[in-house]
Amino acid sequence: MADAPVLLESRDARGVVTLTLNRPQAFNALSEDLIEALHRAAERLADDQALRAVVLAGAGKAFCAGHDLRQMRATPDQAYYEALFARCSAMMLALHRLPVPVIARAHGIATAAGCQLVALCDLAVASSDARFATSGIDVGLFCSTPAVTVSRNVSRKAAFEMLVTGDFIDAETACERGLVNRVVAPDALDAGVEALLARILDKPRIALEMGKALFYRQLERGMEAALQDASRTMAANMIDGAALEGVQAFLEKRKPAWRD
């Protein structure tokens, strides 16, 4: 396993790329190498016009146990830590900015930066045995960067409780609070991800790409600016060939013949 790649990548004929964190012996903790590999993959995929969706998964018994604390503790230097967290944040942003939906396939534990990864993804399907926590506080470290994405998924009080207690929540609670979309049996996790993919892949990529970008932009704006942005985006979407075909197909009561 020492020579195994820390990140595995596969692609199917539909343009779905699966990125699998591959440090199972360390519960897929985010080492410097893994952070770099994820960042490189996200930057490369950003320009891939054949890409339709990305699935983020973990090998072994867990999704991701957060940062590699053993590696971090070996260099007790503030400048090192600031650089490390800056690189991790850049990786997270690169994944977030991918033009296609990114789906977390969560099982086992997703803690600290691992919980941040789940919250960062556009969608998440969780095994019923999955557990989530921002548990840095248990070692005296407030999960500041995970707080950014977790607080954008769940309510403020629910997020703050997770951050100050470090307590785990189960998959059903995570679903109720909005951290994940769906919970399925452990042996149905792949099927659960596939069911969500099937609903996405029969939609035109251009509409999804424009819509995803607008969705996150408008969340950071006031109501008036958000509506102006949304109006421009919808107008641009409406004159695209995919929407023209979709509307015509609706009027003619037939299935759209989209080219992408």
C-alpha atoms as a PDB file:
ATOM      1  CA  MET A   1       0.000   0.000   0.000  1.00  0.00           C
ATOM      2  CA  ALA A   2       2.967   2.351   0.500  1.00  0.00           C
ATOM      3  CA  ASP A   3       3.328   2.818  -3.261  1.00  0.00           C
ATOM      4  CA  ALA A   4      -0.400   3.001  -3.998  1.00  0.00           C
ATOM      5  CA  PRO A   5      -1.693   6.329  -5.368  1.00  0.00           C
ATOM      6  CA  VAL A   6      -3.422   8.423  -2.713  1.00  0.00           C
ATOM      7  CA  LEU A   7      -6.201   9.289  -5.163  1.00  0.00           C
ATOM      8  CA  LEU A   8      -7.870   6.939  -7.616  1.00  0.00           C
ATOM      9  CA  GLU A   9      -9.721   8.237 -10.656  1.00  0.00           C
ATOM     10  CA  SER A  10     -12.117   6.414 -12.945  1.00  0.00           C
ATOM     11  CA  ARG A  11     -14.476   7.510 -15.694  1.00  0.00           C
ATOM     12  CA  ASP A  12     -17.458   5.829 -17.261  1.00  0.00           C
ATOM     13  CA  ALA A  13     -18.825   6.188 -20.777  1.00  0.00           C
ATOM     14  CA  ARG A  14     -21.338   8.823 -19.650  1.00  0.00           C
ATOM     15  CA  GLY A  15     -18.666  11.264 -18.502  1.00  0.00           C
ATOM     16  CA  VAL A  16     -19.037  10.532 -14.782  1.00  0.00           C
ATOM     17  CA  VAL A  17     -15.673  10.728 -13.002  1.00  0.00           C
ATOM     18  CA  THR A  18     -15.212   9.073  -9.615  1.00  0.00           C
ATOM     19  CA  LEU A  19     -12.428  10.381  -7.395  1.00  0.00           C
ATOM     20  CA  THR A  20     -11.659   7.952  -4.591  1.00  0.00           C
ATOM     21  CA  LEU A  21      -9.581   8.967  -1.588  1.00  0.00           C
ATOM     22  CA  ASN A  22      -7.170   6.062  -1.264  1.00  0.00           C
ATOM     23  CA  ARG A  23      -5.543   6.073   2.151  1.00  0.00           C
ATOM     24  CA  PRO A  24      -7.742   3.414   3.763  1.00  0.00           C
ATOM     25  CA  GLN A  25      -5.175   2.545   6.438  1.00  0.00           C
ATOM     26  CA  ALA A  26      -5.461   6.166   7.664  1.00  0.00           C
ATOM     27  CA  PHE A  27      -9.230   6.401   7.146  1.00  0.00           C
ATOM     28  CA  ASN A  28      -8.470   8.575   4.105  1.00  0.00           C
ATOM     29  CA  ALA A  29      -7.072  11.415   6.212  1.00  0.00           C
ATOM     30  CA  LEU A  30      -6.048  14.395   4.082  1.00  0.00           C
ATOM     31  CA  SER A  31      -2.287  14.204   3.823  1.00  0.00           C
ATOM     32  CA  GLU A  32      -0.374  16.877   1.936  1.00  0.00           C
ATOM     33  CA  ASP A  33      -0.069  14.498  -1.029  1.00  0.00           C
ATOM     34  CA  LEU A  34      -3.797  13.780  -1.056  1.00  0.00           C
ATOM     35  CA  ILE A  35      -4.695  17.478  -0.870  1.00  0.00           C
ATOM     36  CA  GLU A  36      -2.386  18.148  -3.811  1.00  0.00           C
ATOM     37  CA  ALA A  37      -3.763  15.217  -5.813  1.00  0.00           C
ATOM     38  CA  LEU A  38      -7.350  16.365  -5.292  1.00  0.00           C
ATOM     39  CA  HIS A  39      -6.446  19.907  -6.283  1.00  0.00           C
ATOM     40  CA  ARG A  40      -4.701  18.780  -9.467  1.00  0.00           C
ATOM     41  CA  ALA A  41      -7.622  16.548 -10.410  1.00  0.00           C
ATOM     42  CA  ALA A  42     -10.173  19.321  -9.859  1.00  0.00           C
ATOM     43  CA  GLU A  43      -8.182  21.850 -11.898  1.00  0.00           C
ATOM     44  CA  ARG A  44      -7.775  19.392 -14.759  1.00  0.00           C
ATOM     45  CA  LEU A  45     -11.454  18.398 -14.753  1.00  0.00           C
ATOM     46  CA  ALA A  46     -12.604  22.019 -14.756  1.00  0.00           C
ATOM     47  CA  ASP A  47     -11.828  22.297 -18.484  1.00  0.00           C
ATOM     48  CA  ASP A  48     -13.155  18.859 -19.447  1.00  0.00           C
ATOM     49  CA  GLN A  49     -16.092  19.472 -21.767  1.00  0.00           C
ATOM     50  CA  ALA A  50     -17.057  15.789 -21.718  1.00  0.00           C
ATOM     51  CA  LEU A  51     -17.456  15.796 -17.933  1.00  0.00           C
ATOM     52  CA  ARG A  52     -21.039  15.390 -16.694  1.00  0.00           C
ATOM     53  CA  ALA A  53     -20.679  14.726 -12.957  1.00  0.00           C
ATOM     54  CA  VAL A  54     -18.096  13.946 -10.293  1.00  0.00           C
ATOM     55  CA  VAL A  55     -18.476  11.439  -7.463  1.00  0.00           C
ATOM     56  CA  LEU A  56     -16.208  11.839  -4.438  1.00  0.00           C
ATOM     57  CA  ALA A  57     -15.712   8.588  -2.524  1.00  0.00           C
ATOM     58  CA  GLY A  58     -13.439   6.983   0.040  1.00  0.00           C
ATOM     59  CA  ALA A  59     -11.696   3.601  -0.038  1.00  0.00           C
ATOM     60  CA  GLY A  60     -11.904   1.207   2.878  1.00  0.00           C
ATOM     61  CA  LYS A  61     -14.012   1.671   6.002  1.00  0.00           C
ATOM     62  CA  ALA A  62     -14.394   5.452   5.997  1.00  0.00           C
ATOM     63  CA  PHE A  63     -15.074   8.426   3.780  1.00  0.00           C
ATOM     64  CA  CYS A  64     -12.507  10.776   5.325  1.00  0.00           C
ATOM     65  CA  ALA A  65     -11.213  11.349   8.853  1.00  0.00           C
ATOM     66  CA  GLY A  66     -10.124  14.936   8.250  1.00  0.00           C
ATOM     67  CA  HIS A  67      -6.568  16.219   8.195  1.00  0.00           C
ATOM     68  CA  ASP A  68      -3.645  13.916   8.876  1.00  0.00           C
ATOM     69  CA  LEU A  69      -2.920  15.013  12.457  1.00  0.00           C
ATOM     70  CA  ARG A  70       0.206  12.869  12.744  1.00  0.00           C
ATOM     71  CA  GLN A  71       1.714  14.603   9.720  1.00  0.00           C
ATOM     72  CA  MET A  72       0.619  18.014  10.967  1.00  0.00           C
ATOM     73  CA  ARG A  73       2.059  17.500  14.450  1.00  0.00           C
ATOM     74  CA  ALA A  74       5.468  16.712  12.961  1.00  0.00           C
ATOM     75  CA  THR A  75       5.888  20.375  11.949  1.00  0.00           C
ATOM     76  CA  PRO A  76       4.642  22.584  14.818  1.00  0.00           C
ATOM     77  CA  ASP A  77       5.077  25.885  13.008  1.00  0.00           C
ATOM     78  CA  GLN A  78       2.417  28.530  12.369  1.00  0.00           C
ATOM     79  CA  ALA A  79       3.711  29.425   8.911  1.00  0.00           C
ATOM     80  CA  TYR A  80       3.561  25.760   7.930  1.00  0.00           C
ATOM     81  CA  TYR A  81      -0.004  25.436   9.234  1.00  0.00           C
ATOM     82  CA  GLU A  82      -1.156  28.587   7.458  1.00  0.00           C
ATOM     83  CA  ALA A  83       0.304  27.320   4.177  1.00  0.00           C
ATOM     84  CA  LEU A  84      -1.244  23.885   4.685  1.00  0.00           C
ATOM     85  CA  PHE A  85      -4.724  25.234   5.365  1.00  0.00           C
ATOM     86  CA  ALA A  86      -4.389  27.657   2.443  1.00  0.00           C
ATOM     87  CA  ARG A  87      -3.586  24.746   0.119  1.00  0.00           C
ATOM     88  CA  CYS A  88      -6.491  22.747   1.493  1.00  0.00           C
ATOM     89  CA  SER A  89      -8.863  25.681   1.042  1.00  0.00           C
ATOM     90  CA  ALA A  90      -7.659  26.145  -2.539  1.00  0.00           C
ATOM     91  CA  MET A  91      -8.368  22.458  -3.182  1.00  0.00           C
ATOM     92  CA  MET A  92     -11.840  22.744  -1.665  1.00  0.00           C
ATOM     93  CA  LEU A  93     -12.611  25.793  -3.818  1.00  0.00           C
ATOM     94  CA  ALA A  94     -11.397  23.999  -6.957  1.00  0.00           C
ATOM     95  CA  LEU A  95     -13.803  21.141  -6.263  1.00  0.00           C
ATOM     96  CA  HIS A  96     -16.599  23.583  -5.442  1.00  0.00           C
ATOM     97  CA  ARG A  97     -16.065  25.492  -8.705  1.00  0.00           C
ATOM     98  CA  LEU A  98     -16.322  22.476 -10.970  1.00  0.00           C
ATOM     99  CA  PRO A  99     -19.035  23.274 -13.523  1.00  0.00           C
ATOM    100  CA  VAL A 100     -20.872  19.986 -13.014  1.00  0.00           C
ATOM    101  CA  PRO A 101     -22.626  18.506  -9.957  1.00  0.00           C
ATOM    102  CA  VAL A 102     -20.272  16.950  -7.417  1.00  0.00           C
ATOM    103  CA  ILE A 103     -21.753  14.141  -5.304  1.00  0.00           C
ATOM    104  CA  ALA A 104     -20.284  12.857  -2.041  1.00  0.00           C
ATOM    105  CA  ARG A 105     -20.561   9.097  -1.550  1.00  0.00           C
ATOM    106  CA  ALA A 106     -20.313   9.001   2.252  1.00  0.00           C
ATOM    107  CA  HIS A 107     -19.828   5.922   4.405  1.00  0.00           C
ATOM    108  CA  GLY A 108     -18.204   5.147   7.720  1.00  0.00           C
ATOM    109  CA  ILE A 109     -16.976   8.368   9.293  1.00  0.00           C
ATOM    110  CA  ALA A 110     -16.662  11.854   7.836  1.00  0.00           C
ATOM    111  CA  THR A 111     -14.975  13.998  10.461  1.00  0.00           C
ATOM    112  CA  ALA A 112     -13.508  17.516  10.574  1.00  0.00           C
ATOM    113  CA  ALA A 113     -12.183  18.266   7.052  1.00  0.00           C
ATOM    114  CA  GLY A 114     -13.904  15.061   5.921  1.00  0.00           C
ATOM    115  CA  CYS A 115     -17.232  16.501   7.064  1.00  0.00           C
ATOM    116  CA  GLN A 116     -16.190  19.712   5.302  1.00  0.00           C
ATOM    117  CA  LEU A 117     -15.767  17.751   2.058  1.00  0.00           C
ATOM    118  CA  VAL A 118     -19.283  16.312   2.356  1.00  0.00           C
ATOM    119  CA  ALA A 119     -20.715  19.775   3.013  1.00  0.00           C
ATOM    120  CA  LEU A 120     -18.694  21.212   0.133  1.00  0.00           C
ATOM    121  CA  CYS A 121     -20.163  18.802  -2.421  1.00  0.00           C
ATOM    122  CA  ASP A 122     -23.308  19.913  -4.213  1.00  0.00           C
ATOM    123  CA  LEU A 123     -25.100  16.707  -3.267  1.00  0.00           C
ATOM    124  CA  ALA A 124     -24.453  13.820  -0.883  1.00  0.00           C
ATOM    125  CA  VAL A 125     -25.683  10.253  -0.573  1.00  0.00           C
ATOM    126  CA  ALA A 126     -24.880   8.570   2.732  1.00  0.00           C
ATOM    127  CA  SER A 127     -24.835   4.997   3.904  1.00  0.00           C
ATOM    128  CA  SER A 128     -27.073   4.475   6.912  1.00  0.00           C
ATOM    129  CA  ASP A 129     -23.990   3.544   8.928  1.00  0.00           C
ATOM    130  CA  ALA A 130     -22.252   6.865   8.174  1.00  0.00           C
ATOM    131  CA  ARG A 131     -21.485   9.305  10.978  1.00  0.00           C
ATOM    132  CA  PHE A 132     -20.480  12.940  10.770  1.00  0.00           C
ATOM    133  CA  ALA A 133     -18.659  15.249  13.165  1.00  0.00           C
ATOM    134  CA  THR A 134     -16.590  18.403  13.344  1.00  0.00           C
ATOM    135  CA  SER A 135     -14.553  16.869  16.126  1.00  0.00           C
ATOM    136  CA  GLY A 136     -11.421  19.002  16.147  1.00  0.00           C
ATOM    137  CA  ILE A 137     -12.626  20.584  19.380  1.00  0.00           C
ATOM    138  CA  ASP A 138     -12.006  17.250  21.095  1.00  0.00           C
ATOM    139  CA  VAL A 139      -8.264  17.835  20.658  1.00  0.00           C
ATOM    140  CA  GLY A 140      -8.491  21.550  21.382  1.00  0.00           C
ATOM    141  CA  LEU A 141      -8.782  22.629  17.755  1.00  0.00           C
ATOM    142  CA  PHE A 142     -11.949  24.445  16.657  1.00  0.00           C
ATOM    143  CA  CYS A 143     -12.883  23.239  13.157  1.00  0.00           C
ATOM    144  CA  SER A 144     -12.728  26.718  11.642  1.00  0.00           C
ATOM    145  CA  THR A 145     -12.484  25.802   7.959  1.00  0.00           C
ATOM    146  CA  PRO A 146     -15.100  23.007   8.187  1.00  0.00           C
ATOM    147  CA  ALA A 147     -17.350  25.583   9.881  1.00  0.00           C
ATOM    148  CA  VAL A 148     -17.509  27.538   6.617  1.00  0.00           C
ATOM    149  CA  THR A 149     -19.119  24.774   4.571  1.00  0.00           C
ATOM    150  CA  VAL A 150     -21.065  23.072   7.376  1.00  0.00           C
ATOM    151  CA  SER A 151     -22.719  26.369   8.375  1.00  0.00           C
ATOM    152  CA  ARG A 152     -23.779  26.811   4.760  1.00  0.00           C
ATOM    153  CA  ASN A 153     -25.577  23.450   4.821  1.00  0.00           C
ATOM    154  CA  VAL A 154     -27.279  23.201   8.200  1.00  0.00           C
ATOM    155  CA  SER A 155     -28.886  25.766  10.490  1.00  0.00           C
ATOM    156  CA  ARG A 156     -26.649  28.020  12.578  1.00  0.00           C
ATOM    157  CA  LYS A 157     -27.500  26.471  15.919  1.00  0.00           C
ATOM    158  CA  ALA A 158     -27.135  22.912  14.605  1.00  0.00           C
ATOM    159  CA  ALA A 159     -23.789  23.774  13.025  1.00  0.00           C
ATOM    160  CA  PHE A 160     -22.509  25.529  16.130  1.00  0.00           C
ATOM    161  CA  GLU A 161     -23.515  22.605  18.320  1.00  0.00           C
ATOM    162  CA  MET A 162     -21.512  20.255  16.108  1.00  0.00           C
ATOM    163  CA  LEU A 163     -18.531  22.613  16.225  1.00  0.00           C
ATOM    164  CA  VAL A 164     -18.430  23.198  19.993  1.00  0.00           C
ATOM    165  CA  THR A 165     -19.277  19.675  21.149  1.00  0.00           C
ATOM    166  CA  GLY A 166     -17.514  17.540  18.537  1.00  0.00           C
ATOM    167  CA  ASP A 167     -20.420  15.104  18.856  1.00  0.00           C
ATOM    168  CA  PHE A 168     -21.206  12.708  16.032  1.00  0.00           C
ATOM    169  CA  ILE A 169     -24.541  12.786  14.252  1.00  0.00           C
ATOM    170  CA  ASP A 170     -25.868   9.760  12.412  1.00  0.00           C
ATOM    171  CA  ALA A 171     -26.849   9.658   8.764  1.00  0.00           C
ATOM    172  CA  GLU A 172     -30.557  10.170   9.365  1.00  0.00           C
ATOM    173  CA  THR A 173     -29.888  13.245  11.494  1.00  0.00           C
ATOM    174  CA  ALA A 174     -27.471  14.539   8.866  1.00  0.00           C
ATOM    175  CA  CYS A 175     -30.227  14.157   6.275  1.00  0.00           C
ATOM    176  CA  GLU A 176     -32.807  15.888   8.454  1.00  0.00           C
ATOM    177  CA  ARG A 177     -30.416  18.805   8.997  1.00  0.00           C
ATOM    178  CA  GLY A 178     -29.529  19.142   5.306  1.00  0.00           C
ATOM    179  CA  LEU A 179     -25.945  17.897   5.361  1.00  0.00           C
ATOM    180  CA  VAL A 180     -26.814  14.989   3.033  1.00  0.00           C
ATOM    181  CA  ASN A 181     -29.623  14.461   0.526  1.00  0.00           C
ATOM    182  CA  ARG A 182     -30.342  10.755   0.807  1.00  0.00           C
ATOM    183  CA  VAL A 183     -29.642   7.868   3.179  1.00  0.00           C
ATOM    184  CA  VAL A 184     -29.531   4.309   1.900  1.00  0.00           C
ATOM    185  CA  ALA A 185     -28.602   0.890   3.227  1.00  0.00           C
ATOM    186  CA  PRO A 186     -24.849   0.173   3.220  1.00  0.00           C
ATOM    187  CA  ASP A 187     -25.169  -2.399   0.455  1.00  0.00           C
ATOM    188  CA  ALA A 188     -27.227   0.032  -1.630  1.00  0.00           C
ATOM    189  CA  LEU A 189     -24.815   2.991  -1.497  1.00  0.00           C
ATOM    190  CA  ASP A 190     -23.631   2.658  -5.090  1.00  0.00           C
ATOM    191  CA  ALA A 191     -27.201   2.187  -6.268  1.00  0.00           C
ATOM    192  CA  GLY A 192     -28.237   5.282  -4.325  1.00  0.00           C
ATOM    193  CA  VAL A 193     -25.544   7.363  -5.975  1.00  0.00           C
ATOM    194  CA  GLU A 194     -26.498   5.926  -9.352  1.00  0.00           C
ATOM    195  CA  ALA A 195     -30.165   6.799  -8.853  1.00  0.00           C
ATOM    196  CA  LEU A 196     -29.241  10.417  -8.215  1.00  0.00           C
ATOM    197  CA  LEU A 197     -26.844  10.450 -11.174  1.00  0.00           C
ATOM    198  CA  ALA A 198     -29.558   9.092 -13.456  1.00  0.00           C
ATOM    199  CA  ARG A 199     -31.800  12.034 -12.607  1.00  0.00           C
ATOM    200  CA  ILE A 200     -28.978  14.476 -13.367  1.00  0.00           C
ATOM    201  CA  LEU A 201     -27.544  12.933 -16.510  1.00  0.00           C
ATOM    202  CA  ASP A 202     -30.800  13.135 -18.448  1.00  0.00           C
ATOM    203  CA  LYS A 203     -30.625  16.938 -18.192  1.00  0.00           C
ATOM    204  CA  PRO A 204     -28.568  19.109 -20.596  1.00  0.00           C
ATOM    205  CA  ARG A 205     -25.116  19.988 -19.261  1.00  0.00           C
ATOM    206  CA  ILE A 206     -25.354  23.639 -20.282  1.00  0.00           C
ATOM    207  CA  ALA A 207     -28.427  24.223 -18.112  1.00  0.00           C
ATOM    208  CA  LEU A 208     -26.797  22.469 -15.152  1.00  0.00           C
ATOM    209  CA  GLU A 209     -23.556  24.409 -15.581  1.00  0.00           C
ATOM    210  CA  MET A 210     -25.250  27.786 -15.794  1.00  0.00           C
ATOM    211  CA  GLY A 211     -27.620  26.881 -12.989  1.00  0.00           C
ATOM    212  CA  LYS A 212     -24.939  25.668 -10.603  1.00  0.00           C
ATOM    213  CA  ALA A 213     -22.875  28.816 -11.050  1.00  0.00           C
ATOM    214  CA  LEU A 214     -25.914  31.034 -10.492  1.00  0.00           C
ATOM    215  CA  PHE A 215     -27.102  29.020  -7.492  1.00  0.00           C
ATOM    216  CA  TYR A 216     -23.941  29.711  -5.509  1.00  0.00           C
ATOM    217  CA  ARG A 217     -23.502  33.288  -6.717  1.00  0.00           C
ATOM    218  CA  GLN A 218     -26.961  34.346  -5.645  1.00  0.00           C
ATOM    219  CA  LEU A 219     -26.572  32.846  -2.172  1.00  0.00           C
ATOM    220  CA  GLU A 220     -23.862  35.408  -1.428  1.00  0.00           C
ATOM    221  CA  ARG A 221     -25.869  38.399  -2.691  1.00  0.00           C
ATOM    222  CA  GLY A 222     -28.755  40.503  -1.522  1.00  0.00           C
ATOM    223  CA  MET A 223     -32.221  39.783  -2.892  1.00  0.00           C
ATOM    224  CA  GLU A 224     -32.250  42.528  -5.543  1.00  0.00           C
ATOM    225  CA  ALA A 225     -28.793  41.708  -6.940  1.00  0.00           C
ATOM    226  CA  ALA A 226     -29.586  37.981  -6.823  1.00  0.00           C
ATOM    227  CA  LEU A 227     -32.787  38.445  -8.830  1.00  0.00           C
ATOM    228  CA  GLN A 228     -31.014  40.602 -11.418  1.00  0.00           C
ATOM    229  CA  ASP A 229     -28.296  37.972 -11.816  1.00  0.00           C
ATOM    230  CA  ALA A 230     -30.895  35.191 -12.002  1.00  0.00           C
ATOM    231  CA  SER A 231     -32.866  37.067 -14.662  1.00  0.00           C
ATOM    232  CA  ARG A 232     -29.786  37.505 -16.856  1.00  0.00           C
ATOM    233  CA  THR A 233     -28.809  33.868 -16.376  1.00  0.00           C
ATOM    234  CA  MET A 234     -32.287  32.610 -17.220  1.00  0.00           C
ATOM    235  CA  ALA A 235     -32.446  34.754 -20.349  1.00  0.00           C
ATOM    236  CA  ALA A 236     -29.072  33.407 -21.512  1.00  0.00           C
ATOM    237  CA  ASN A 237     -30.220  29.880 -20.713  1.00  0.00           C
ATOM    238  CA  MET A 238     -33.491  30.394 -22.613  1.00  0.00           C
ATOM    239  CA  ILE A 239     -31.785  31.233 -25.919  1.00  0.00           C
ATOM    240  CA  ASP A 240     -29.472  28.215 -25.680  1.00  0.00           C
ATOM    241  CA  GLY A 241     -30.311  25.378 -28.017  1.00  0.00           C
ATOM    242  CA  ALA A 242     -30.972  22.925 -25.183  1.00  0.00           C
ATOM    243  CA  ALA A 243     -33.711  25.069 -23.653  1.00  0.00           C
ATOM    244  CA  LEU A 244     -35.203  25.913 -27.067  1.00  0.00           C
ATOM    245  CA  GLU A 245     -35.418  22.187 -27.824  1.00  0.00           C
ATOM    246  CA  GLY A 246     -36.764  21.397 -24.352  1.00  0.00           C
ATOM    247  CA  VAL A 247     -39.555  23.949 -24.562  1.00  0.00           C
ATOM    248  CA  GLN A 248     -40.453  22.897 -28.114  1.00  0.00           C
ATOM    249  CA  ALA A 249     -40.560  19.259 -27.022  1.00  0.00           C
ATOM    250  CA  PHE A 250     -42.854  20.185 -24.125  1.00  0.00           C
ATOM    251  CA  LEU A 251     -45.197  22.024 -26.480  1.00  0.00           C
ATOM    252  CA  GLU A 252     -45.180  19.059 -28.872  1.00  0.00           C
ATOM    253  CA  LYS A 253     -45.640  16.587 -26.003  1.00  0.00           C
ATOM    254  CA  ARG A 254     -42.502  14.593 -26.806  1.00  0.00           C
ATOM    255  CA  LYS A 255     -39.194  13.811 -25.137  1.00  0.00           C
ATOM    256  CA  PRO A 256     -36.419  16.386 -25.779  1.00  0.00           C
ATOM    257  CA  ALA A 257     -33.667  15.367 -28.193  1.00  0.00           C
ATOM    258  CA  TRP A 258     -30.746  17.003 -26.429  1.00  0.00           C
ATOM    259  CA  ARG A 259     -27.316  16.648 -27.997  1.00  0.00           C
ATOM    260  CA  ASP A 260     -25.361  16.689 -24.711  1.00  0.00           C
END
